[in-house]
Amino acid sequence: PEILPQRVRGLVSSIVTSLRWGLAFLVTRFFYNLLSALGDDGGYWFF
């Protein structure tokens, strides 16, 4: 069974894909700052 009706599936897919790309950018952008702040072990446990 599908969660979303057919009429909104494309819109929701676009929003979720954009959100995932945005979050991937933020993780990539701030990863080394996170490691500097938390150390290697803290960065591992954060993710």
N, C-alpha and C. Protein backbone atom coordinates (compact mmCIF):
# COMPACT_ATOMS: atom_id res chain seq x y z
N PRO A 1 0.83 -1.20 0.00
CA PRO A 1 0.00 0.00 0.00
C PRO A 1 0.87 1.26 0.00
N GLU A 2 0.43 2.25 -0.71
CA GLU A 2 1.15 3.51 -0.79
C GLU A 2 0.75 4.43 0.36
N ILE A 3 1.68 5.23 0.80
CA ILE A 3 1.40 6.15 1.90
C ILE A 3 0.69 7.40 1.38
N LEU A 4 1.14 7.90 0.24
CA LEU A 4 0.61 9.16 -0.29
C LEU A 4 -0.28 8.90 -1.50
N PRO A 5 -1.29 9.73 -1.68
CA PRO A 5 -2.12 9.60 -2.88
C PRO A 5 -1.34 10.01 -4.13
N GLN A 6 -1.76 9.51 -5.25
CA GLN A 6 -1.08 9.73 -6.52
C GLN A 6 -0.95 11.22 -6.85
N ARG A 7 -1.94 12.04 -6.51
CA ARG A 7 -1.94 13.44 -6.92
C ARG A 7 -0.86 14.28 -6.24
N VAL A 8 -0.34 13.85 -5.08
CA VAL A 8 0.69 14.62 -4.39
C VAL A 8 2.04 13.92 -4.36
N ARG A 9 2.12 12.74 -4.91
CA ARG A 9 3.35 11.95 -4.82
C ARG A 9 4.53 12.65 -5.47
N GLY A 10 4.33 13.26 -6.63
CA GLY A 10 5.42 13.96 -7.32
C GLY A 10 5.92 15.16 -6.53
N LEU A 11 5.00 15.93 -5.99
CA LEU A 11 5.37 17.11 -5.21
C LEU A 11 6.15 16.71 -3.96
N VAL A 12 5.66 15.73 -3.25
CA VAL A 12 6.33 15.29 -2.02
C VAL A 12 7.69 14.68 -2.34
N SER A 13 7.80 13.95 -3.42
CA SER A 13 9.09 13.39 -3.82
C SER A 13 10.10 14.50 -4.11
N SER A 14 9.67 15.57 -4.77
CA SER A 14 10.57 16.70 -5.05
C SER A 14 11.02 17.38 -3.77
N ILE A 15 10.09 17.57 -2.84
CA ILE A 15 10.44 18.22 -1.58
C ILE A 15 11.43 17.37 -0.79
N VAL A 16 11.16 16.09 -0.69
CA VAL A 16 12.04 15.20 0.07
C VAL A 16 13.41 15.10 -0.57
N THR A 17 13.47 15.03 -1.90
CA THR A 17 14.76 14.98 -2.58
C THR A 17 15.55 16.25 -2.35
N SER A 18 14.90 17.40 -2.42
CA SER A 18 15.58 18.67 -2.16
C SER A 18 16.08 18.74 -0.72
N LEU A 19 15.28 18.27 0.21
CA LEU A 19 15.68 18.26 1.60
C LEU A 19 16.90 17.36 1.82
N ARG A 20 16.89 16.20 1.20
CA ARG A 20 18.03 15.29 1.34
C ARG A 20 19.31 15.88 0.76
N TRP A 21 19.22 16.53 -0.40
CA TRP A 21 20.38 17.18 -0.99
C TRP A 21 20.88 18.31 -0.09
N GLY A 22 19.95 19.08 0.46
CA GLY A 22 20.34 20.17 1.36
C GLY A 22 21.03 19.66 2.61
N LEU A 23 20.51 18.61 3.20
CA LEU A 23 21.13 18.04 4.39
C LEU A 23 22.49 17.43 4.08
N ALA A 24 22.62 16.80 2.93
CA ALA A 24 23.92 16.25 2.53
C ALA A 24 24.94 17.37 2.36
N PHE A 25 24.51 18.50 1.80
CA PHE A 25 25.40 19.65 1.66
C PHE A 25 25.85 20.15 3.03
N LEU A 26 24.91 20.27 3.97
CA LEU A 26 25.26 20.77 5.30
C LEU A 26 26.21 19.83 6.03
N VAL A 27 25.98 18.54 5.91
CA VAL A 27 26.88 17.58 6.55
C VAL A 27 28.27 17.69 5.94
N THR A 28 28.34 17.79 4.62
CA THR A 28 29.64 17.91 3.95
C THR A 28 30.33 19.21 4.32
N ARG A 29 29.56 20.29 4.40
CA ARG A 29 30.13 21.61 4.68
C ARG A 29 30.69 21.71 6.09
N PHE A 30 29.99 21.15 7.08
CA PHE A 30 30.36 21.36 8.48
C PHE A 30 30.98 20.14 9.14
N PHE A 31 31.33 19.12 8.37
CA PHE A 31 31.86 17.90 8.96
C PHE A 31 33.19 18.13 9.69
N TYR A 32 34.10 18.86 9.05
CA TYR A 32 35.41 19.08 9.68
C TYR A 32 35.29 20.02 10.88
N ASN A 33 34.36 20.96 10.84
CA ASN A 33 34.11 21.79 12.02
C ASN A 33 33.60 20.94 13.18
N LEU A 34 32.74 19.99 12.86
CA LEU A 34 32.21 19.09 13.88
C LEU A 34 33.33 18.24 14.48
N LEU A 35 34.21 17.74 13.63
CA LEU A 35 35.33 16.94 14.13
C LEU A 35 36.25 17.78 15.00
N SER A 36 36.47 19.03 14.62
CA SER A 36 37.32 19.91 15.43
C SER A 36 36.69 20.17 16.80
N ALA A 37 35.38 20.32 16.83
CA ALA A 37 34.71 20.63 18.08
C ALA A 37 34.55 19.41 18.98
N LEU A 38 34.22 18.26 18.40
CA LEU A 38 33.91 17.08 19.20
C LEU A 38 35.03 16.05 19.23
N GLY A 39 36.00 16.18 18.35
CA GLY A 39 37.04 15.17 18.24
C GLY A 39 36.56 14.02 17.36
N ASP A 40 37.48 13.13 17.04
CA ASP A 40 37.13 12.01 16.17
C ASP A 40 36.06 11.11 16.79
N ASP A 41 36.23 10.81 18.06
CA ASP A 41 35.25 9.94 18.73
C ASP A 41 33.87 10.59 18.81
N GLY A 42 33.83 11.87 19.13
CA GLY A 42 32.56 12.58 19.21
C GLY A 42 31.87 12.67 17.86
N GLY A 43 32.66 12.89 16.79
CA GLY A 43 32.08 12.92 15.45
C GLY A 43 31.50 11.58 15.06
N TYR A 44 32.19 10.51 15.44
CA TYR A 44 31.67 9.17 15.16
C TYR A 44 30.34 8.96 15.88
N TRP A 45 30.27 9.29 17.14
CA TRP A 45 29.05 9.06 17.91
C TRP A 45 27.92 10.00 17.51
N PHE A 46 28.26 11.18 16.98
CA PHE A 46 27.22 12.10 16.51
C PHE A 46 26.46 11.49 15.34
N PHE A 47 27.21 10.82 14.45
CA PHE A 47 26.57 10.19 13.31
C PHE A 47 26.23 8.76 13.60
